[in-house]
């Protein structure tokens, strides 16, 4: 993971709001929310990797 993302204050505030909502969906359990986010990101990364893989011609 070599990508560093820099956010301006508006983006940071929006991200913070989404994070609070995501934790609220997990009844305030930040660890449970983090675990789910890690799993979701893993699934999405797998799909992206599949899309970016060189395509073979049949």
C-alpha atoms as a PDB file:
ATOM      1  CA  UNK A   1       0.000   0.000   0.000  1.00  0.00           C
ATOM      2  CA  UNK A   2       2.220   2.796  -1.293  1.00  0.00           C
ATOM      3  CA  UNK A   3      -0.495   5.331  -2.039  1.00  0.00           C
ATOM      4  CA  UNK A   4      -0.766   8.321   0.295  1.00  0.00           C
ATOM      5  CA  UNK A   5      -4.024  10.222   0.069  1.00  0.00           C
ATOM      6  CA  UNK A   6      -4.121  13.852   1.127  1.00  0.00           C
ATOM      7  CA  UNK A   7      -7.467  15.406   2.008  1.00  0.00           C
ATOM      8  CA  UNK A   8      -8.411  19.030   2.318  1.00  0.00           C
ATOM      9  CA  UNK A   9     -10.466  20.127   5.340  1.00  0.00           C
ATOM     10  CA  UNK A  10     -13.787  19.779   3.487  1.00  0.00           C
ATOM     11  CA  UNK A  11     -12.971  16.227   2.398  1.00  0.00           C
ATOM     12  CA  UNK A  12     -11.754  15.352   5.887  1.00  0.00           C
ATOM     13  CA  UNK A  13     -15.029  16.588   7.392  1.00  0.00           C
ATOM     14  CA  UNK A  14     -17.062  14.569   4.882  1.00  0.00           C
ATOM     15  CA  UNK A  15     -14.991  11.453   5.595  1.00  0.00           C
ATOM     16  CA  UNK A  16     -15.426  11.947   9.332  1.00  0.00           C
ATOM     17  CA  UNK A  17     -19.208  12.194   8.924  1.00  0.00           C
ATOM     18  CA  UNK A  18     -19.327   8.979   6.893  1.00  0.00           C
ATOM     19  CA  UNK A  19     -17.130   7.223   9.445  1.00  0.00           C
ATOM     20  CA  UNK A  20     -19.468   8.245  12.278  1.00  0.00           C
ATOM     21  CA  UNK A  21     -22.481   6.947  10.327  1.00  0.00           C
ATOM     22  CA  UNK A  22     -20.720   3.648   9.554  1.00  0.00           C
ATOM     23  CA  UNK A  23     -19.836   3.149  13.217  1.00  0.00           C
ATOM     24  CA  UNK A  24     -23.411   4.023  14.197  1.00  0.00           C
ATOM     25  CA  UNK A  25     -24.638   1.266  11.840  1.00  0.00           C
ATOM     26  CA  UNK A  26     -22.582  -1.117  13.982  1.00  0.00           C
ATOM     27  CA  UNK A  27     -24.194   0.155  17.176  1.00  0.00           C
ATOM     28  CA  UNK A  28     -21.124   2.173  18.142  1.00  0.00           C
ATOM     29  CA  UNK A  29     -18.685  -0.752  17.890  1.00  0.00           C
ATOM     30  CA  UNK A  30     -15.730   0.824  16.069  1.00  0.00           C
ATOM     31  CA  UNK A  31     -13.740  -2.427  15.948  1.00  0.00           C
ATOM     32  CA  UNK A  32     -16.628  -4.303  14.340  1.00  0.00           C
ATOM     33  CA  UNK A  33     -17.078  -1.473  11.822  1.00  0.00           C
ATOM     34  CA  UNK A  34     -13.357  -1.485  11.024  1.00  0.00           C
ATOM     35  CA  UNK A  35     -13.358  -5.250  10.494  1.00  0.00           C
ATOM     36  CA  UNK A  36     -16.290  -4.998   8.098  1.00  0.00           C
ATOM     37  CA  UNK A  37     -14.625  -2.156   6.196  1.00  0.00           C
ATOM     38  CA  UNK A  38     -11.439  -4.219   5.827  1.00  0.00           C
ATOM     39  CA  UNK A  39     -13.435  -7.145   4.432  1.00  0.00           C
ATOM     40  CA  UNK A  40     -15.389  -4.888   2.057  1.00  0.00           C
ATOM     41  CA  UNK A  41     -12.194  -3.240   0.831  1.00  0.00           C
ATOM     42  CA  UNK A  42     -10.635  -6.660   0.261  1.00  0.00           C
ATOM     43  CA  UNK A  43     -13.580  -7.715  -1.908  1.00  0.00           C
ATOM     44  CA  UNK A  44     -13.459  -4.467  -3.873  1.00  0.00           C
ATOM     45  CA  UNK A  45      -9.688  -4.722  -4.361  1.00  0.00           C
ATOM     46  CA  UNK A  46     -10.114  -8.249  -5.679  1.00  0.00           C
ATOM     47  CA  UNK A  47     -12.679  -7.064  -8.207  1.00  0.00           C
ATOM     48  CA  UNK A  48     -10.457  -4.162  -9.279  1.00  0.00           C
ATOM     49  CA  UNK A  49      -7.488  -6.487  -9.676  1.00  0.00           C
ATOM     50  CA  UNK A  50      -9.635  -8.747 -11.847  1.00  0.00           C
ATOM     51  CA  UNK A  51     -10.621  -5.843 -14.059  1.00  0.00           C
ATOM     52  CA  UNK A  52      -7.042  -4.645 -14.439  1.00  0.00           C
ATOM     53  CA  UNK A  53      -5.574  -8.061 -15.249  1.00  0.00           C
ATOM     54  CA  UNK A  54      -4.357  -8.455 -18.833  1.00  0.00           C
ATOM     55  CA  UNK A  55      -7.074  -9.953 -20.954  1.00  0.00           C
ATOM     56  CA  UNK A  56      -6.440 -13.064 -22.995  1.00  0.00           C
ATOM     57  CA  UNK A  57      -7.951 -13.506 -26.401  1.00  0.00           C
ATOM     58  CA  UNK A  58      -9.736 -16.842 -26.906  1.00  0.00           C
END
